[in-house]
């Protein structure tokens, strides 16, 4: 799901102003790529402690995305009709990742 969400972020940011290419667009894209990347890297680790650490990093990136999406809405780059479905997907991914992390303790 986080990989698909990453694609959603790339699609939605393609309509952001060109002046934001190295600003909020870049921040959103990097944070969105970080989530599935950290989950994948954590899966490769030999201990639950290591995997849990990478999930924690992914969760941090998810909260970064939440803030960056809100800022994008505040700046008028996203309207509420675009923001709400993204926030719903983001919330679901946060819950799934947090639940997975809690099972590793």
N, C-alpha and C. Protein backbone atom coordinates (compact mmCIF):
# COMPACT_ATOMS: atom_id res chain seq x y z
N UNK A 1 0.82 -1.20 0.00
CA UNK A 1 0.00 0.00 0.00
C UNK A 1 0.87 1.27 0.00
N UNK A 2 1.99 1.23 0.72
CA UNK A 2 2.84 2.42 0.76
C UNK A 2 3.50 2.68 -0.59
N UNK A 3 3.75 1.63 -1.35
CA UNK A 3 4.33 1.79 -2.68
C UNK A 3 3.32 2.47 -3.61
N UNK A 4 2.07 2.09 -3.52
CA UNK A 4 1.02 2.70 -4.33
C UNK A 4 0.82 4.16 -3.91
N UNK A 5 0.88 4.40 -2.59
CA UNK A 5 0.76 5.77 -2.09
C UNK A 5 1.88 6.64 -2.64
N UNK A 6 3.07 6.09 -2.73
CA UNK A 6 4.21 6.80 -3.30
C UNK A 6 3.89 7.24 -4.74
N UNK A 7 3.32 6.33 -5.51
CA UNK A 7 2.91 6.67 -6.89
C UNK A 7 1.87 7.78 -6.89
N UNK A 8 0.94 7.72 -5.94
CA UNK A 8 -0.08 8.78 -5.82
C UNK A 8 0.57 10.14 -5.59
N UNK A 9 1.58 10.15 -4.73
CA UNK A 9 2.28 11.41 -4.42
C UNK A 9 2.98 11.94 -5.68
N UNK A 10 3.64 11.07 -6.42
CA UNK A 10 4.30 11.51 -7.65
C UNK A 10 3.29 12.09 -8.63
N UNK A 11 2.14 11.45 -8.76
CA UNK A 11 1.11 11.93 -9.69
C UNK A 11 0.57 13.29 -9.26
N UNK A 12 0.24 13.40 -7.98
CA UNK A 12 -0.39 14.65 -7.50
C UNK A 12 0.61 15.81 -7.55
N UNK A 13 1.88 15.54 -7.27
CA UNK A 13 2.86 16.63 -7.27
C UNK A 13 3.27 17.04 -8.69
N UNK A 14 2.93 16.24 -9.66
CA UNK A 14 3.27 16.63 -11.04
C UNK A 14 2.50 17.89 -11.47
N UNK A 15 1.42 18.20 -10.75
CA UNK A 15 0.66 19.41 -11.07
C UNK A 15 1.05 20.61 -10.19
N UNK A 16 1.99 20.42 -9.28
CA UNK A 16 2.45 21.52 -8.43
C UNK A 16 3.23 22.52 -9.29
N UNK A 17 3.33 23.76 -8.84
CA UNK A 17 4.06 24.77 -9.61
C UNK A 17 5.51 24.37 -9.85
N UNK A 18 6.03 24.71 -10.99
CA UNK A 18 7.42 24.42 -11.35
C UNK A 18 8.39 25.04 -10.33
N UNK A 19 7.99 26.16 -9.75
CA UNK A 19 8.84 26.82 -8.75
C UNK A 19 9.01 25.98 -7.49
N UNK A 20 8.17 24.98 -7.32
CA UNK A 20 8.26 24.09 -6.15
C UNK A 20 9.02 22.80 -6.42
N UNK A 21 9.61 22.70 -7.61
CA UNK A 21 10.33 21.48 -8.00
C UNK A 21 11.35 21.07 -6.95
N UNK A 22 12.07 22.04 -6.39
CA UNK A 22 13.10 21.74 -5.40
C UNK A 22 12.62 22.06 -3.98
N UNK A 23 11.33 22.36 -3.85
CA UNK A 23 10.75 22.68 -2.55
C UNK A 23 9.84 21.55 -2.07
N UNK A 24 8.57 21.88 -1.92
CA UNK A 24 7.60 20.93 -1.35
C UNK A 24 7.44 19.68 -2.23
N UNK A 25 7.57 19.84 -3.55
CA UNK A 25 7.45 18.67 -4.44
C UNK A 25 8.55 17.66 -4.11
N UNK A 26 9.76 18.14 -4.01
CA UNK A 26 10.90 17.27 -3.70
C UNK A 26 10.75 16.65 -2.31
N UNK A 27 10.31 17.44 -1.34
CA UNK A 27 10.14 16.93 0.03
C UNK A 27 9.10 15.82 0.07
N UNK A 28 7.97 16.04 -0.57
CA UNK A 28 6.91 15.04 -0.59
C UNK A 28 7.37 13.75 -1.28
N UNK A 29 8.04 13.90 -2.39
CA UNK A 29 8.49 12.72 -3.13
C UNK A 29 9.53 11.93 -2.34
N UNK A 30 10.48 12.62 -1.74
CA UNK A 30 11.52 11.92 -0.98
C UNK A 30 10.93 11.21 0.24
N UNK A 31 10.02 11.87 0.94
CA UNK A 31 9.40 11.23 2.11
C UNK A 31 8.55 10.03 1.69
N UNK A 32 7.86 10.15 0.56
CA UNK A 32 7.00 9.05 0.12
C UNK A 32 7.83 7.85 -0.33
N UNK A 33 8.97 8.07 -0.95
CA UNK A 33 9.86 6.98 -1.35
C UNK A 33 10.49 6.34 -0.11
N UNK A 34 10.74 7.13 0.90
CA UNK A 34 11.37 6.64 2.12
C UNK A 34 10.53 5.58 2.82
N UNK A 35 9.23 5.69 2.75
CA UNK A 35 8.36 4.76 3.49
C UNK A 35 8.52 3.31 3.00
N UNK A 36 8.19 3.00 1.74
CA UNK A 36 8.35 1.60 1.32
C UNK A 36 9.82 1.16 1.31
N UNK A 37 10.72 2.09 1.09
CA UNK A 37 12.14 1.74 1.09
C UNK A 37 12.60 1.28 2.46
N UNK A 38 12.19 1.99 3.51
CA UNK A 38 12.58 1.60 4.87
C UNK A 38 11.89 0.31 5.30
N UNK A 39 10.66 0.12 4.88
CA UNK A 39 9.97 -1.14 5.19
C UNK A 39 10.70 -2.30 4.53
N UNK A 40 11.06 -2.13 3.27
CA UNK A 40 11.78 -3.18 2.55
C UNK A 40 13.14 -3.45 3.18
N UNK A 41 13.86 -2.40 3.50
CA UNK A 41 15.18 -2.59 4.10
C UNK A 41 15.06 -3.27 5.46
N UNK A 42 14.06 -2.88 6.23
CA UNK A 42 13.84 -3.51 7.53
C UNK A 42 13.54 -4.99 7.42
N UNK A 43 12.81 -5.36 6.38
CA UNK A 43 12.48 -6.78 6.16
C UNK A 43 13.74 -7.61 5.95
N UNK A 44 14.76 -7.01 5.43
CA UNK A 44 15.99 -7.75 5.13
C UNK A 44 16.85 -7.96 6.38
N UNK A 45 16.52 -7.30 7.46
CA UNK A 45 17.34 -7.39 8.67
C UNK A 45 17.07 -8.71 9.40
N UNK A 46 18.05 -9.15 10.12
CA UNK A 46 17.97 -10.45 10.77
C UNK A 46 17.28 -10.44 12.13
N UNK A 47 17.08 -9.27 12.69
CA UNK A 47 16.44 -9.22 14.01
C UNK A 47 15.19 -8.34 13.98
N UNK A 48 14.27 -8.67 14.87
CA UNK A 48 13.06 -7.85 15.00
C UNK A 48 13.39 -6.45 15.47
N UNK A 49 14.44 -6.33 16.29
CA UNK A 49 14.84 -5.01 16.78
C UNK A 49 15.25 -4.11 15.61
N UNK A 50 16.04 -4.65 14.69
CA UNK A 50 16.45 -3.88 13.52
C UNK A 50 15.25 -3.53 12.64
N UNK A 51 14.39 -4.53 12.40
CA UNK A 51 13.20 -4.30 11.58
C UNK A 51 12.35 -3.21 12.21
N UNK A 52 12.17 -3.28 13.53
CA UNK A 52 11.37 -2.29 14.25
C UNK A 52 11.94 -0.89 14.08
N UNK A 53 13.26 -0.78 14.09
CA UNK A 53 13.91 0.53 13.92
C UNK A 53 13.60 1.12 12.55
N UNK A 54 13.63 0.29 11.50
CA UNK A 54 13.31 0.78 10.16
C UNK A 54 11.83 1.13 10.03
N UNK A 55 10.97 0.39 10.72
CA UNK A 55 9.54 0.75 10.71
C UNK A 55 9.33 2.09 11.40
N UNK A 56 10.08 2.35 12.45
CA UNK A 56 9.99 3.63 13.15
C UNK A 56 10.38 4.78 12.22
N UNK A 57 11.42 4.57 11.43
CA UNK A 57 11.83 5.58 10.45
C UNK A 57 10.73 5.80 9.42
N UNK A 58 10.12 4.71 8.95
CA UNK A 58 9.02 4.81 7.98
C UNK A 58 7.85 5.59 8.58
N UNK A 59 7.54 5.32 9.83
CA UNK A 59 6.44 6.04 10.50
C UNK A 59 6.76 7.53 10.59
N UNK A 60 8.00 7.86 10.88
CA UNK A 60 8.40 9.27 10.91
C UNK A 60 8.19 9.93 9.56
N UNK A 61 8.53 9.23 8.49
CA UNK A 61 8.32 9.77 7.15
C UNK A 61 6.84 9.93 6.85
N UNK A 62 6.02 9.04 7.36
CA UNK A 62 4.57 9.16 7.16
C UNK A 62 4.02 10.42 7.82
N UNK A 63 4.52 10.72 9.00
CA UNK A 63 4.08 11.95 9.67
C UNK A 63 4.63 13.19 8.97
N UNK A 64 5.82 13.09 8.40
CA UNK A 64 6.33 14.19 7.58
C UNK A 64 5.38 14.44 6.41
N UNK A 65 4.97 13.35 5.76
CA UNK A 65 4.05 13.47 4.63
C UNK A 65 2.74 14.14 5.03
N UNK A 66 2.24 13.78 6.20
CA UNK A 66 0.99 14.38 6.68
C UNK A 66 1.14 15.90 6.79
N UNK A 67 2.24 16.34 7.37
CA UNK A 67 2.49 17.77 7.52
C UNK A 67 2.68 18.44 6.16
N UNK A 68 3.45 17.82 5.28
CA UNK A 68 3.72 18.39 3.97
C UNK A 68 2.46 18.48 3.11
N UNK A 69 1.58 17.51 3.23
CA UNK A 69 0.31 17.56 2.49
C UNK A 69 -0.57 18.69 3.01
N UNK A 70 -0.58 18.88 4.33
CA UNK A 70 -1.35 19.98 4.91
C UNK A 70 -0.80 21.33 4.45
N UNK A 71 0.51 21.46 4.42
CA UNK A 71 1.13 22.70 3.94
C UNK A 71 0.79 22.91 2.46
N UNK A 72 0.82 21.84 1.68
CA UNK A 72 0.46 21.95 0.25
C UNK A 72 -0.97 22.43 0.08
N UNK A 73 -1.85 21.98 0.95
CA UNK A 73 -3.24 22.45 0.93
C UNK A 73 -3.32 23.91 1.34
N UNK A 74 -2.58 24.28 2.39
CA UNK A 74 -2.55 25.67 2.86
C UNK A 74 -2.08 26.61 1.75
N UNK A 75 -1.12 26.15 0.94
CA UNK A 75 -0.57 26.98 -0.13
C UNK A 75 -1.42 26.96 -1.40
N UNK A 76 -2.45 26.14 -1.41
CA UNK A 76 -3.34 26.07 -2.56
C UNK A 76 -2.88 25.13 -3.66
N UNK A 77 -1.89 24.30 -3.37
CA UNK A 77 -1.41 23.34 -4.37
C UNK A 77 -2.31 22.11 -4.44
N UNK A 78 -3.00 21.83 -3.35
CA UNK A 78 -3.98 20.73 -3.27
C UNK A 78 -5.28 21.30 -2.77
N UNK A 79 -6.38 20.89 -3.37
CA UNK A 79 -7.67 21.30 -2.81
C UNK A 79 -8.15 20.19 -1.87
N UNK A 80 -9.22 20.46 -1.14
CA UNK A 80 -9.72 19.50 -0.15
C UNK A 80 -10.12 18.17 -0.79
N UNK A 81 -10.63 18.22 -2.01
CA UNK A 81 -11.03 16.98 -2.70
C UNK A 81 -9.83 16.10 -3.02
N UNK A 82 -8.67 16.68 -3.20
CA UNK A 82 -7.45 15.91 -3.42
C UNK A 82 -6.81 15.48 -2.10
N UNK A 83 -6.88 16.37 -1.12
CA UNK A 83 -6.23 16.13 0.16
C UNK A 83 -6.89 15.02 0.96
N UNK A 84 -8.20 15.02 1.05
CA UNK A 84 -8.90 14.08 1.93
C UNK A 84 -8.61 12.62 1.59
N UNK A 85 -8.69 12.20 0.32
CA UNK A 85 -8.36 10.78 0.04
C UNK A 85 -6.91 10.43 0.36
N UNK A 86 -6.00 11.38 0.15
CA UNK A 86 -4.60 11.13 0.49
C UNK A 86 -4.43 10.97 2.00
N UNK A 87 -5.11 11.82 2.77
CA UNK A 87 -5.04 11.72 4.22
C UNK A 87 -5.62 10.40 4.72
N UNK A 88 -6.68 9.93 4.07
CA UNK A 88 -7.28 8.65 4.47
C UNK A 88 -6.34 7.49 4.20
N UNK A 89 -5.69 7.49 3.03
CA UNK A 89 -4.71 6.44 2.71
C UNK A 89 -3.54 6.51 3.68
N UNK A 90 -3.08 7.71 3.93
CA UNK A 90 -1.95 7.92 4.83
C UNK A 90 -2.26 7.40 6.23
N UNK A 91 -3.44 7.69 6.72
CA UNK A 91 -3.87 7.21 8.04
C UNK A 91 -3.88 5.69 8.09
N UNK A 92 -4.37 5.06 7.04
CA UNK A 92 -4.41 3.60 6.99
C UNK A 92 -2.99 3.01 7.00
N UNK A 93 -2.09 3.64 6.27
CA UNK A 93 -0.70 3.15 6.22
C UNK A 93 -0.02 3.33 7.58
N UNK A 94 -0.29 4.45 8.24
CA UNK A 94 0.27 4.68 9.58
C UNK A 94 -0.22 3.58 10.53
N UNK A 95 -1.51 3.29 10.49
CA UNK A 95 -2.07 2.26 11.38
C UNK A 95 -1.46 0.90 11.10
N UNK A 96 -1.35 0.53 9.82
CA UNK A 96 -0.79 -0.78 9.46
C UNK A 96 0.67 -0.89 9.89
N UNK A 97 1.44 0.15 9.63
CA UNK A 97 2.86 0.13 9.96
C UNK A 97 3.06 0.10 11.47
N UNK A 98 2.26 0.87 12.19
CA UNK A 98 2.35 0.90 13.65
C UNK A 98 1.97 -0.46 14.24
N UNK A 99 0.94 -1.07 13.69
CA UNK A 99 0.51 -2.39 14.16
C UNK A 99 1.60 -3.42 13.91
N UNK A 100 2.20 -3.40 12.72
CA UNK A 100 3.29 -4.31 12.42
C UNK A 100 4.44 -4.12 13.41
N UNK A 101 4.78 -2.87 13.66
CA UNK A 101 5.86 -2.57 14.59
C UNK A 101 5.56 -3.12 15.98
N UNK A 102 4.31 -2.99 16.42
CA UNK A 102 3.94 -3.46 17.75
C UNK A 102 4.01 -4.98 17.89
N UNK A 103 3.91 -5.70 16.79
CA UNK A 103 3.99 -7.16 16.85
C UNK A 103 5.43 -7.65 16.94
N UNK A 104 6.39 -6.78 16.71
CA UNK A 104 7.80 -7.18 16.70
C UNK A 104 8.46 -7.11 18.07
N UNK A 105 7.78 -6.57 19.04
CA UNK A 105 8.41 -6.38 20.36
C UNK A 105 8.58 -7.66 21.11
